[in-house]
Amino acid sequence: MTDEGEETRFCTQCGAKLAAGDQFCPYCGAAAVGSAGGGSAPAAAAPGMYAPGRSNSDNANSLRNIGILTVIYAVGALFFGLYCLLGVDAIIAALQSNPDVWNYMLSNYGQESFIRESLAVAGWTMTASGVLAAVATVFLITRKYGRIAFVLVILSAIASYDAVITLIVGIVIAYFIYQNRRGFITW
C-alpha cells in the first residue's frame, strides 16, 4: 500500500513499477491492469510508447546488443590483463630479444624491475576492468538494475586508464547504456 491508500502496481508484461495514474507501462508500453485501457491482456500501446515485442532502439534488443559488446570488452580486458600478469617473463624476454627496443625501454623507464612493476599494474587494472564489465553484462542481460550496470561500466573504463582504446570503448558503452535506459525493467 502507498501513503494514499492505493496499492502499488506493477506491469504484467515487464514487471516495472507503475505510478498511480499510469494507464500504460512507461518501459514497455503495455496497458496497465486496472486502467481504462487495461485488463488482463495487454492492449495497444499509447502513442509514443513502445509495444511489447516491438524491436526498437530503446528496448531489450538494444540492451542485448550492448551486452554482447560488453562481453567482448570484458573478454578482451581479461585476456590482456591476465597476459600481463602471467606473461611478464615472456614479455620481458621478447623486449630483450631486440637490443634497440630493450635499450629504449631502459632509457625511458629505468630498471627492469620498474618495467615489471608497470606490467603488473597494467595487468591488475585491466583484469579489474574486465571483471567489472563482466558483472555489468549480467545486469544488461537481465535488464535489471540499469544504474548499477552504468556505474560498473564507467568504473571499468576508469580502471583501464592505461589503455586509451579501452577507456574510450568503456565510455561509449556507458553512453549506449544511458541512452537505452528505458529498456531496463528497473533502472
N, C-alpha and C. Protein backbone atom coordinates (compact mmCIF):
# COMPACT_ATOMS: atom_id res chain seq x y z
N MET A 1 0.83 -1.19 0.00
CA MET A 1 0.00 0.00 0.00
C MET A 1 0.88 1.24 0.00
N THR A 2 0.47 2.24 -0.72
CA THR A 2 1.18 3.51 -0.72
C THR A 2 0.62 4.40 0.37
N ASP A 3 1.20 5.61 0.54
CA ASP A 3 0.76 6.53 1.57
C ASP A 3 -0.70 6.95 1.36
N GLU A 4 -1.17 7.04 0.13
CA GLU A 4 -2.53 7.46 -0.15
C GLU A 4 -3.53 6.32 -0.02
N GLY A 5 -3.11 5.14 0.33
CA GLY A 5 -4.01 4.01 0.49
C GLY A 5 -4.19 3.21 -0.79
N GLU A 6 -3.50 3.57 -1.86
CA GLU A 6 -3.60 2.81 -3.10
C GLU A 6 -2.55 1.71 -3.12
N GLU A 7 -2.89 0.66 -3.80
CA GLU A 7 -1.94 -0.44 -3.93
C GLU A 7 -0.84 -0.09 -4.92
N THR A 8 0.36 -0.59 -4.65
CA THR A 8 1.46 -0.44 -5.60
C THR A 8 1.20 -1.39 -6.75
N ARG A 9 1.28 -0.89 -7.97
CA ARG A 9 1.01 -1.72 -9.14
C ARG A 9 2.29 -1.94 -9.93
N PHE A 10 2.33 -3.08 -10.60
CA PHE A 10 3.47 -3.44 -11.43
C PHE A 10 2.95 -3.89 -12.79
N CYS A 11 3.74 -3.64 -13.82
CA CYS A 11 3.38 -4.04 -15.17
C CYS A 11 3.31 -5.56 -15.27
N THR A 12 2.28 -6.07 -15.92
CA THR A 12 2.14 -7.52 -16.08
C THR A 12 3.03 -8.07 -17.18
N GLN A 13 3.57 -7.18 -18.03
CA GLN A 13 4.45 -7.61 -19.12
C GLN A 13 5.91 -7.67 -18.68
N CYS A 14 6.40 -6.57 -18.07
CA CYS A 14 7.84 -6.48 -17.78
C CYS A 14 8.16 -6.37 -16.29
N GLY A 15 7.15 -6.13 -15.44
CA GLY A 15 7.40 -6.08 -14.01
C GLY A 15 7.80 -4.72 -13.48
N ALA A 16 7.82 -3.69 -14.31
CA ALA A 16 8.22 -2.35 -13.86
C ALA A 16 7.15 -1.77 -12.94
N LYS A 17 7.59 -0.96 -11.98
CA LYS A 17 6.67 -0.32 -11.05
C LYS A 17 5.91 0.78 -11.79
N LEU A 18 4.59 0.84 -11.56
CA LEU A 18 3.74 1.81 -12.22
C LEU A 18 3.34 2.90 -11.23
N ALA A 19 3.28 4.13 -11.71
CA ALA A 19 2.80 5.24 -10.89
C ALA A 19 1.28 5.14 -10.78
N ALA A 20 0.70 5.86 -9.84
CA ALA A 20 -0.74 5.76 -9.56
C ALA A 20 -1.60 6.01 -10.79
N GLY A 21 -1.29 7.00 -11.60
CA GLY A 21 -2.14 7.34 -12.74
C GLY A 21 -1.76 6.70 -14.06
N ASP A 22 -0.75 5.86 -14.07
CA ASP A 22 -0.28 5.28 -15.33
C ASP A 22 -1.32 4.36 -15.94
N GLN A 23 -1.65 4.61 -17.21
CA GLN A 23 -2.53 3.72 -17.96
C GLN A 23 -1.71 2.74 -18.79
N PHE A 24 -0.47 3.13 -19.08
CA PHE A 24 0.44 2.28 -19.84
C PHE A 24 1.78 2.24 -19.14
N CYS A 25 2.48 1.14 -19.26
CA CYS A 25 3.80 0.99 -18.66
C CYS A 25 4.78 1.95 -19.34
N PRO A 26 5.54 2.73 -18.56
CA PRO A 26 6.49 3.67 -19.17
C PRO A 26 7.71 2.97 -19.77
N TYR A 27 7.89 1.68 -19.50
CA TYR A 27 9.05 0.96 -20.02
C TYR A 27 8.74 0.15 -21.27
N CYS A 28 7.63 -0.60 -21.24
CA CYS A 28 7.36 -1.46 -22.39
C CYS A 28 6.11 -1.07 -23.16
N GLY A 29 5.28 -0.18 -22.60
CA GLY A 29 4.09 0.29 -23.30
C GLY A 29 2.85 -0.55 -23.13
N ALA A 30 2.92 -1.62 -22.35
CA ALA A 30 1.76 -2.48 -22.14
C ALA A 30 0.71 -1.72 -21.34
N ALA A 31 -0.56 -2.01 -21.60
CA ALA A 31 -1.64 -1.38 -20.85
C ALA A 31 -1.57 -1.85 -19.40
N ALA A 32 -1.79 -0.93 -18.48
CA ALA A 32 -1.74 -1.25 -17.06
C ALA A 32 -3.03 -1.93 -16.65
N VAL A 33 -2.93 -2.98 -15.87
CA VAL A 33 -4.11 -3.68 -15.36
C VAL A 33 -4.85 -2.73 -14.44
N GLY A 34 -6.17 -2.64 -14.64
CA GLY A 34 -6.97 -1.77 -13.79
C GLY A 34 -7.13 -0.37 -14.36
N SER A 35 -6.49 -0.06 -15.50
CA SER A 35 -6.65 1.25 -16.12
C SER A 35 -7.78 1.17 -17.14
N ALA A 36 -8.15 2.30 -17.70
CA ALA A 36 -9.24 2.34 -18.67
C ALA A 36 -8.95 1.44 -19.87
N GLY A 37 -7.70 1.40 -20.29
CA GLY A 37 -7.34 0.57 -21.44
C GLY A 37 -6.81 -0.78 -21.03
N GLY A 38 -6.77 -1.04 -19.73
CA GLY A 38 -6.11 -2.25 -19.25
C GLY A 38 -7.07 -3.33 -18.89
N GLY A 39 -6.52 -4.42 -18.64
CA GLY A 39 -7.23 -5.61 -18.24
C GLY A 39 -6.19 -6.66 -18.03
N SER A 40 -6.58 -7.90 -18.20
CA SER A 40 -5.58 -8.93 -18.02
C SER A 40 -4.71 -9.10 -19.26
N ALA A 41 -5.24 -8.71 -20.43
CA ALA A 41 -4.46 -8.82 -21.66
C ALA A 41 -3.94 -7.45 -22.05
N PRO A 42 -2.70 -7.37 -22.58
CA PRO A 42 -2.18 -6.08 -22.98
C PRO A 42 -2.94 -5.51 -24.17
N ALA A 43 -3.16 -4.21 -24.15
CA ALA A 43 -3.82 -3.51 -25.25
C ALA A 43 -2.76 -2.87 -26.12
N ALA A 44 -3.20 -2.14 -27.11
CA ALA A 44 -2.25 -1.43 -27.96
C ALA A 44 -1.53 -0.39 -27.12
N ALA A 45 -0.32 -0.09 -27.50
CA ALA A 45 0.48 0.87 -26.75
C ALA A 45 -0.04 2.28 -26.96
N ALA A 46 0.16 3.11 -25.95
CA ALA A 46 -0.20 4.52 -26.06
C ALA A 46 0.70 5.17 -27.09
N PRO A 47 0.23 6.25 -27.70
CA PRO A 47 1.08 6.94 -28.68
C PRO A 47 2.41 7.35 -28.04
N GLY A 48 3.50 7.10 -28.74
CA GLY A 48 4.82 7.46 -28.24
C GLY A 48 5.42 6.42 -27.31
N MET A 49 4.67 5.37 -27.00
CA MET A 49 5.18 4.31 -26.12
C MET A 49 5.57 3.12 -26.98
N TYR A 50 6.27 2.20 -26.37
CA TYR A 50 6.76 1.03 -27.09
C TYR A 50 5.90 -0.17 -26.76
N ALA A 51 5.45 -0.85 -27.77
CA ALA A 51 4.64 -2.04 -27.57
C ALA A 51 5.53 -3.22 -27.23
N PRO A 52 5.03 -4.15 -26.42
CA PRO A 52 5.82 -5.32 -26.09
C PRO A 52 6.19 -6.09 -27.35
N GLY A 53 7.42 -6.55 -27.41
CA GLY A 53 7.88 -7.35 -28.52
C GLY A 53 8.30 -6.55 -29.74
N ARG A 54 8.02 -5.27 -29.78
CA ARG A 54 8.42 -4.46 -30.93
C ARG A 54 9.92 -4.19 -30.84
N SER A 55 10.62 -4.37 -31.93
CA SER A 55 12.05 -4.11 -31.97
C SER A 55 12.29 -2.63 -32.16
N ASN A 56 12.99 -1.99 -31.22
CA ASN A 56 13.32 -0.59 -31.35
C ASN A 56 14.59 -0.32 -30.57
N SER A 57 15.16 0.87 -30.77
CA SER A 57 16.47 1.17 -30.20
C SER A 57 16.44 1.37 -28.70
N ASP A 58 15.27 1.60 -28.11
CA ASP A 58 15.19 1.81 -26.67
C ASP A 58 14.71 0.59 -25.91
N ASN A 59 14.66 -0.55 -26.54
CA ASN A 59 14.09 -1.72 -25.88
C ASN A 59 15.15 -2.79 -25.66
N ALA A 60 14.71 -3.97 -25.32
CA ALA A 60 15.58 -5.06 -24.93
C ALA A 60 16.58 -5.46 -26.01
N ASN A 61 16.23 -5.33 -27.28
CA ASN A 61 17.17 -5.72 -28.33
C ASN A 61 18.44 -4.89 -28.28
N SER A 62 18.30 -3.61 -28.02
CA SER A 62 19.49 -2.76 -27.91
C SER A 62 20.32 -3.15 -26.70
N LEU A 63 19.66 -3.42 -25.59
CA LEU A 63 20.41 -3.84 -24.39
C LEU A 63 21.13 -5.16 -24.62
N ARG A 64 20.49 -6.06 -25.37
CA ARG A 64 21.15 -7.32 -25.70
C ARG A 64 22.40 -7.07 -26.53
N ASN A 65 22.30 -6.19 -27.52
CA ASN A 65 23.46 -5.86 -28.35
C ASN A 65 24.56 -5.18 -27.55
N ILE A 66 24.16 -4.29 -26.64
CA ILE A 66 25.14 -3.64 -25.77
C ILE A 66 25.78 -4.68 -24.87
N GLY A 67 25.00 -5.65 -24.41
CA GLY A 67 25.53 -6.75 -23.60
C GLY A 67 26.58 -7.55 -24.36
N ILE A 68 26.33 -7.80 -25.63
CA ILE A 68 27.31 -8.53 -26.45
C ILE A 68 28.59 -7.72 -26.57
N LEU A 69 28.47 -6.43 -26.83
CA LEU A 69 29.64 -5.56 -26.91
C LEU A 69 30.39 -5.55 -25.58
N THR A 70 29.65 -5.53 -24.48
CA THR A 70 30.27 -5.52 -23.16
C THR A 70 30.99 -6.83 -22.88
N VAL A 71 30.45 -7.94 -23.34
CA VAL A 71 31.13 -9.24 -23.18
C VAL A 71 32.44 -9.24 -23.94
N ILE A 72 32.42 -8.72 -25.16
CA ILE A 72 33.65 -8.65 -25.97
C ILE A 72 34.68 -7.78 -25.25
N TYR A 73 34.23 -6.65 -24.74
CA TYR A 73 35.11 -5.75 -23.98
C TYR A 73 35.69 -6.46 -22.76
N ALA A 74 34.82 -7.15 -22.01
CA ALA A 74 35.26 -7.84 -20.79
C ALA A 74 36.28 -8.93 -21.11
N VAL A 75 36.01 -9.72 -22.13
CA VAL A 75 36.94 -10.80 -22.50
C VAL A 75 38.28 -10.23 -22.94
N GLY A 76 38.25 -9.17 -23.75
CA GLY A 76 39.50 -8.53 -24.19
C GLY A 76 40.30 -7.98 -23.03
N ALA A 77 39.62 -7.30 -22.10
CA ALA A 77 40.31 -6.73 -20.95
C ALA A 77 40.87 -7.83 -20.05
N LEU A 78 40.09 -8.89 -19.84
CA LEU A 78 40.58 -10.01 -19.01
C LEU A 78 41.77 -10.69 -19.67
N PHE A 79 41.69 -10.90 -20.99
CA PHE A 79 42.80 -11.54 -21.70
C PHE A 79 44.07 -10.70 -21.58
N PHE A 80 43.97 -9.41 -21.88
CA PHE A 80 45.13 -8.54 -21.81
C PHE A 80 45.67 -8.46 -20.38
N GLY A 81 44.77 -8.30 -19.42
CA GLY A 81 45.18 -8.20 -18.02
C GLY A 81 45.88 -9.45 -17.52
N LEU A 82 45.29 -10.61 -17.80
CA LEU A 82 45.91 -11.85 -17.35
C LEU A 82 47.21 -12.14 -18.09
N TYR A 83 47.27 -11.75 -19.36
CA TYR A 83 48.51 -11.92 -20.11
C TYR A 83 49.64 -11.09 -19.48
N CYS A 84 49.33 -9.86 -19.11
CA CYS A 84 50.34 -9.00 -18.47
C CYS A 84 50.76 -9.58 -17.12
N LEU A 85 49.81 -10.13 -16.38
CA LEU A 85 50.13 -10.68 -15.06
C LEU A 85 50.90 -12.00 -15.15
N LEU A 86 50.46 -12.88 -16.02
CA LEU A 86 51.04 -14.22 -16.09
C LEU A 86 52.19 -14.33 -17.08
N GLY A 87 52.28 -13.40 -18.00
CA GLY A 87 53.30 -13.49 -19.04
C GLY A 87 54.39 -12.45 -18.92
N VAL A 88 54.65 -11.95 -17.73
CA VAL A 88 55.66 -10.91 -17.54
C VAL A 88 57.02 -11.37 -18.06
N ASP A 89 57.40 -12.58 -17.71
CA ASP A 89 58.72 -13.08 -18.15
C ASP A 89 58.79 -13.17 -19.67
N ALA A 90 57.71 -13.63 -20.30
CA ALA A 90 57.70 -13.74 -21.77
C ALA A 90 57.75 -12.36 -22.41
N ILE A 91 57.06 -11.40 -21.84
CA ILE A 91 57.09 -10.03 -22.38
C ILE A 91 58.49 -9.44 -22.24
N ILE A 92 59.10 -9.60 -21.06
CA ILE A 92 60.47 -9.10 -20.84
C ILE A 92 61.44 -9.78 -21.81
N ALA A 93 61.31 -11.09 -21.99
CA ALA A 93 62.20 -11.82 -22.91
C ALA A 93 62.03 -11.31 -24.35
N ALA A 94 60.78 -11.03 -24.74
CA ALA A 94 60.53 -10.51 -26.10
C ALA A 94 61.16 -9.12 -26.26
N LEU A 95 61.07 -8.29 -25.23
CA LEU A 95 61.68 -6.97 -25.29
C LEU A 95 63.20 -7.07 -25.34
N GLN A 96 63.77 -7.98 -24.57
CA GLN A 96 65.22 -8.14 -24.53
C GLN A 96 65.77 -8.77 -25.81
N SER A 97 64.94 -9.46 -26.56
CA SER A 97 65.42 -10.11 -27.79
C SER A 97 65.80 -9.08 -28.87
N ASN A 98 65.29 -7.89 -28.74
CA ASN A 98 65.64 -6.82 -29.67
C ASN A 98 66.40 -5.75 -28.87
N PRO A 99 67.72 -5.69 -29.02
CA PRO A 99 68.52 -4.76 -28.21
C PRO A 99 68.10 -3.29 -28.33
N ASP A 100 67.69 -2.88 -29.52
CA ASP A 100 67.26 -1.49 -29.69
C ASP A 100 66.02 -1.18 -28.84
N VAL A 101 65.05 -2.09 -28.88
CA VAL A 101 63.82 -1.90 -28.10
C VAL A 101 64.13 -1.94 -26.61
N TRP A 102 64.97 -2.91 -26.21
CA TRP A 102 65.29 -3.05 -24.78
C TRP A 102 66.04 -1.81 -24.27
N ASN A 103 66.99 -1.31 -25.04
CA ASN A 103 67.72 -0.10 -24.63
C ASN A 103 66.79 1.11 -24.56
N TYR A 104 65.85 1.18 -25.50
CA TYR A 104 64.86 2.25 -25.46
C TYR A 104 64.02 2.16 -24.19
N MET A 105 63.56 0.97 -23.86
CA MET A 105 62.75 0.77 -22.65
C MET A 105 63.54 1.16 -21.39
N LEU A 106 64.78 0.73 -21.34
CA LEU A 106 65.60 1.05 -20.16
C LEU A 106 65.89 2.54 -20.07
N SER A 107 66.11 3.19 -21.22
CA SER A 107 66.41 4.62 -21.18
C SER A 107 65.19 5.45 -20.77
N ASN A 108 63.99 4.96 -21.10
CA ASN A 108 62.77 5.69 -20.77
C ASN A 108 62.16 5.30 -19.43
N TYR A 109 62.32 4.05 -19.03
CA TYR A 109 61.64 3.56 -17.83
C TYR A 109 62.59 3.16 -16.71
N GLY A 110 63.87 3.21 -16.95
CA GLY A 110 64.82 2.88 -15.89
C GLY A 110 65.12 1.40 -15.82
N GLN A 111 65.05 0.87 -14.65
CA GLN A 111 65.46 -0.52 -14.41
C GLN A 111 64.39 -1.51 -14.86
N GLU A 112 64.85 -2.76 -15.01
CA GLU A 112 63.95 -3.84 -15.40
C GLU A 112 62.85 -4.03 -14.36
N SER A 113 63.17 -3.83 -13.09
CA SER A 113 62.16 -4.02 -12.04
C SER A 113 61.00 -3.04 -12.22
N PHE A 114 61.27 -1.82 -12.65
CA PHE A 114 60.19 -0.86 -12.88
C PHE A 114 59.31 -1.29 -14.05
N ILE A 115 59.93 -1.84 -15.09
CA ILE A 115 59.16 -2.33 -16.25
C ILE A 115 58.26 -3.47 -15.80
N ARG A 116 58.78 -4.38 -14.98
CA ARG A 116 57.97 -5.50 -14.45
C ARG A 116 56.82 -4.99 -13.61
N GLU A 117 57.09 -4.00 -12.75
CA GLU A 117 56.03 -3.44 -11.91
C GLU A 117 54.97 -2.75 -12.76
N SER A 118 55.39 -2.06 -13.79
CA SER A 118 54.44 -1.40 -14.68
C SER A 118 53.54 -2.41 -15.39
N LEU A 119 54.12 -3.52 -15.82
CA LEU A 119 53.32 -4.58 -16.45
C LEU A 119 52.34 -5.18 -15.45
N ALA A 120 52.77 -5.35 -14.21
CA ALA A 120 51.88 -5.90 -13.18
C ALA A 120 50.72 -4.95 -12.90
N VAL A 121 50.99 -3.66 -12.80
CA VAL A 121 49.92 -2.67 -12.57
C VAL A 121 48.94 -2.68 -13.75
N ALA A 122 49.48 -2.70 -14.95
CA ALA A 122 48.61 -2.76 -16.14
C ALA A 122 47.77 -4.03 -16.12
N GLY A 123 48.39 -5.14 -15.73
CA GLY A 123 47.66 -6.40 -15.66
C GLY A 123 46.53 -6.37 -14.65
N TRP A 124 46.80 -5.85 -13.46
CA TRP A 124 45.77 -5.80 -12.43
C TRP A 124 44.64 -4.84 -12.81
N THR A 125 44.97 -3.69 -13.35
CA THR A 125 43.91 -2.73 -13.71
C THR A 125 43.05 -3.25 -14.86
N MET A 126 43.67 -3.88 -15.83
CA MET A 126 42.89 -4.43 -16.95
C MET A 126 42.05 -5.62 -16.51
N THR A 127 42.58 -6.44 -15.61
CA THR A 127 41.80 -7.57 -15.09
C THR A 127 40.60 -7.05 -14.31
N ALA A 128 40.81 -6.03 -13.47
CA ALA A 128 39.70 -5.42 -12.73
C ALA A 128 38.67 -4.83 -13.69
N SER A 129 39.14 -4.19 -14.74
CA SER A 129 38.25 -3.63 -15.75
C SER A 129 37.39 -4.72 -16.39
N GLY A 130 38.01 -5.84 -16.72
CA GLY A 130 37.28 -6.95 -17.33
C GLY A 130 36.25 -7.56 -16.39
N VAL A 131 36.59 -7.69 -15.13
CA VAL A 131 35.65 -8.25 -14.14
C VAL A 131 34.46 -7.31 -13.97
N LEU A 132 34.70 -6.02 -13.86
CA LEU A 132 33.61 -5.05 -13.72
C LEU A 132 32.69 -5.09 -14.94
N ALA A 133 33.27 -5.17 -16.13
CA ALA A 133 32.47 -5.24 -17.35
C ALA A 133 31.66 -6.54 -17.41
N ALA A 134 32.25 -7.64 -16.94
CA ALA A 134 31.54 -8.93 -16.94
C ALA A 134 30.33 -8.87 -16.00
N VAL A 135 30.50 -8.26 -14.84
CA VAL A 135 29.37 -8.13 -13.91
C VAL A 135 28.30 -7.21 -14.51
N ALA A 136 28.71 -6.14 -15.16
CA ALA A 136 27.74 -5.25 -15.81
C ALA A 136 26.94 -6.00 -16.87
N THR A 137 27.58 -6.95 -17.54
CA THR A 137 26.90 -7.74 -18.56
C THR A 137 25.72 -8.50 -17.99
N VAL A 138 25.87 -9.01 -16.78
CA VAL A 138 24.77 -9.74 -16.13
C VAL A 138 23.55 -8.82 -15.99
N PHE A 139 23.77 -7.59 -15.57
CA PHE A 139 22.66 -6.64 -15.42
C PHE A 139 22.07 -6.26 -16.77
N LEU A 140 22.90 -6.19 -17.80
CA LEU A 140 22.41 -5.88 -19.14
C LEU A 140 21.54 -7.01 -19.67
N ILE A 141 21.96 -8.23 -19.47
CA ILE A 141 21.22 -9.38 -19.98
C ILE A 141 19.88 -9.53 -19.26
N THR A 142 19.89 -9.33 -17.95
CA THR A 142 18.64 -9.47 -17.18
C THR A 142 17.76 -8.23 -17.27
N ARG A 143 18.30 -7.13 -17.79
CA ARG A 143 17.60 -5.85 -17.91
C ARG A 143 17.15 -5.32 -16.56
N LYS A 144 17.90 -5.63 -15.54
CA LYS A 144 17.59 -5.15 -14.19
C LYS A 144 18.76 -4.32 -13.68
N TYR A 145 18.44 -3.34 -12.85
CA TYR A 145 19.44 -2.50 -12.19
C TYR A 145 20.36 -1.81 -13.21
N GLY A 146 19.75 -1.07 -14.10
CA GLY A 146 20.48 -0.37 -15.14
C GLY A 146 21.50 0.61 -14.60
N ARG A 147 21.16 1.30 -13.51
CA ARG A 147 22.12 2.25 -12.92
C ARG A 147 23.39 1.54 -12.48
N ILE A 148 23.22 0.36 -11.92
CA ILE A 148 24.40 -0.38 -11.47
C ILE A 148 25.25 -0.78 -12.67
N ALA A 149 24.61 -1.25 -13.74
CA ALA A 149 25.35 -1.60 -14.96
C ALA A 149 26.09 -0.38 -15.50
N PHE A 150 25.42 0.76 -15.51
CA PHE A 150 26.02 2.00 -15.98
C PHE A 150 27.26 2.37 -15.15
N VAL A 151 27.12 2.33 -13.84
CA VAL A 151 28.23 2.68 -12.94
C VAL A 151 29.38 1.68 -13.09
N LEU A 152 29.05 0.39 -13.20
CA LEU A 152 30.10 -0.62 -13.36
C LEU A 152 30.90 -0.42 -14.65
N VAL A 153 30.22 -0.06 -15.72
CA VAL A 153 30.93 0.17 -16.98
C VAL A 153 31.80 1.42 -16.88
N ILE A 154 31.31 2.46 -16.21
CA ILE A 154 32.14 3.66 -16.00
C ILE A 154 33.37 3.30 -15.18
N LEU A 155 33.19 2.54 -14.10
CA LEU A 155 34.33 2.11 -13.28
C LEU A 155 35.28 1.23 -14.09
N SER A 156 34.72 0.39 -14.95
CA SER A 156 35.54 -0.45 -15.81
C SER A 156 36.40 0.39 -16.74
N ALA A 157 35.81 1.44 -17.30
CA ALA A 157 36.56 2.33 -18.19
C ALA A 157 37.66 3.06 -17.42
N ILE A 158 37.34 3.52 -16.21
CA ILE A 158 38.34 4.22 -15.40
C ILE A 158 39.47 3.27 -15.01
N ALA A 159 39.13 2.03 -14.68
CA ALA A 159 40.16 1.05 -14.30
C ALA A 159 41.12 0.76 -15.43
N SER A 160 40.67 0.94 -16.67
CA SER A 160 41.53 0.64 -17.81
C SER A 160 42.23 1.89 -18.33
N TYR A 161 42.51 2.82 -17.43
CA TYR A 161 43.11 4.11 -17.81
C TYR A 161 44.42 3.96 -18.57
N ASP A 162 45.14 2.87 -18.38
CA ASP A 162 46.44 2.72 -19.02
C ASP A 162 46.34 2.32 -20.49
N ALA A 163 45.16 1.99 -20.97
CA ALA A 163 44.96 1.66 -22.37
C ALA A 163 43.86 2.58 -22.90
N VAL A 164 44.22 3.55 -23.67
CA VAL A 164 43.29 4.60 -24.12
C VAL A 164 42.11 4.01 -24.87
N ILE A 165 42.34 3.02 -25.71
CA ILE A 165 41.23 2.47 -26.51
C ILE A 165 40.18 1.84 -25.62
N THR A 166 40.57 1.12 -24.57
CA THR A 166 39.56 0.52 -23.69
C THR A 166 38.84 1.58 -22.87
N LEU A 167 39.53 2.64 -22.54
CA LEU A 167 38.88 3.77 -21.86
C LEU A 167 37.79 4.36 -22.74
N ILE A 168 38.10 4.58 -23.99
CA ILE A 168 37.13 5.14 -24.93
C ILE A 168 35.96 4.18 -25.16
N VAL A 169 36.27 2.91 -25.38
CA VAL A 169 35.20 1.92 -25.60
C VAL A 169 34.30 1.82 -24.38
N GLY A 170 34.88 1.84 -23.18
CA GLY A 170 34.08 1.79 -21.96
C GLY A 170 33.14 2.97 -21.84
N ILE A 171 33.62 4.16 -22.17
CA ILE A 171 32.78 5.35 -22.10
C ILE A 171 31.66 5.29 -23.15
N VAL A 172 31.98 4.78 -24.34
CA VAL A 172 30.96 4.64 -25.38
C VAL A 172 29.89 3.64 -24.94
N ILE A 173 30.29 2.53 -24.34
CA ILE A 173 29.32 1.54 -23.85
C ILE A 173 28.43 2.18 -22.78
N ALA A 174 29.03 2.93 -21.86
CA ALA A 174 28.24 3.61 -20.81
C ALA A 174 27.24 4.57 -21.44
N TYR A 175 27.65 5.28 -22.47
CA TYR A 175 26.75 6.19 -23.17
C TYR A 175 25.57 5.43 -23.76
N PHE A 176 25.84 4.30 -24.42
CA PHE A 176 24.77 3.49 -25.00
C PHE A 176 23.82 2.96 -23.93
N ILE A 177 24.37 2.56 -22.79
CA ILE A 177 23.52 2.08 -21.70
C ILE A 177 22.59 3.20 -21.25
N TYR A 178 23.14 4.38 -21.07
CA TYR A 178 22.32 5.51 -20.63
C TYR A 178 21.25 5.86 -21.66
N GLN A 179 21.62 5.86 -22.93
CA GLN A 179 20.66 6.19 -23.97
C GLN A 179 19.52 5.17 -24.06
N ASN A 180 19.77 3.93 -23.67
CA ASN A 180 18.76 2.87 -23.75
C ASN A 180 18.23 2.49 -22.37
N ARG A 181 18.32 3.38 -21.41
CA ARG A 181 17.95 3.09 -20.03
C ARG A 181 16.48 2.70 -19.90
N ARG A 182 15.61 3.14 -20.79
CA ARG A 182 14.19 2.78 -20.70
C ARG A 182 13.96 1.32 -21.04
N GLY A 183 14.93 0.66 -21.62
CA GLY A 183 14.79 -0.76 -21.90
C GLY A 183 14.97 -1.64 -20.67
N PHE A 184 15.48 -1.05 -19.58
CA PHE A 184 15.65 -1.81 -18.35
C PHE A 184 14.31 -1.94 -17.64
N ILE A 185 14.10 -3.07 -17.02
CA ILE A 185 12.90 -3.26 -16.21
C ILE A 185 13.01 -2.37 -14.98
N THR A 186 14.18 -2.34 -14.36
CA THR A 186 14.44 -1.43 -13.25
C THR A 186 15.70 -0.66 -13.57
N TRP A 187 15.63 0.64 -13.53
CA TRP A 187 16.79 1.47 -13.81
C TRP A 187 17.49 1.75 -12.51
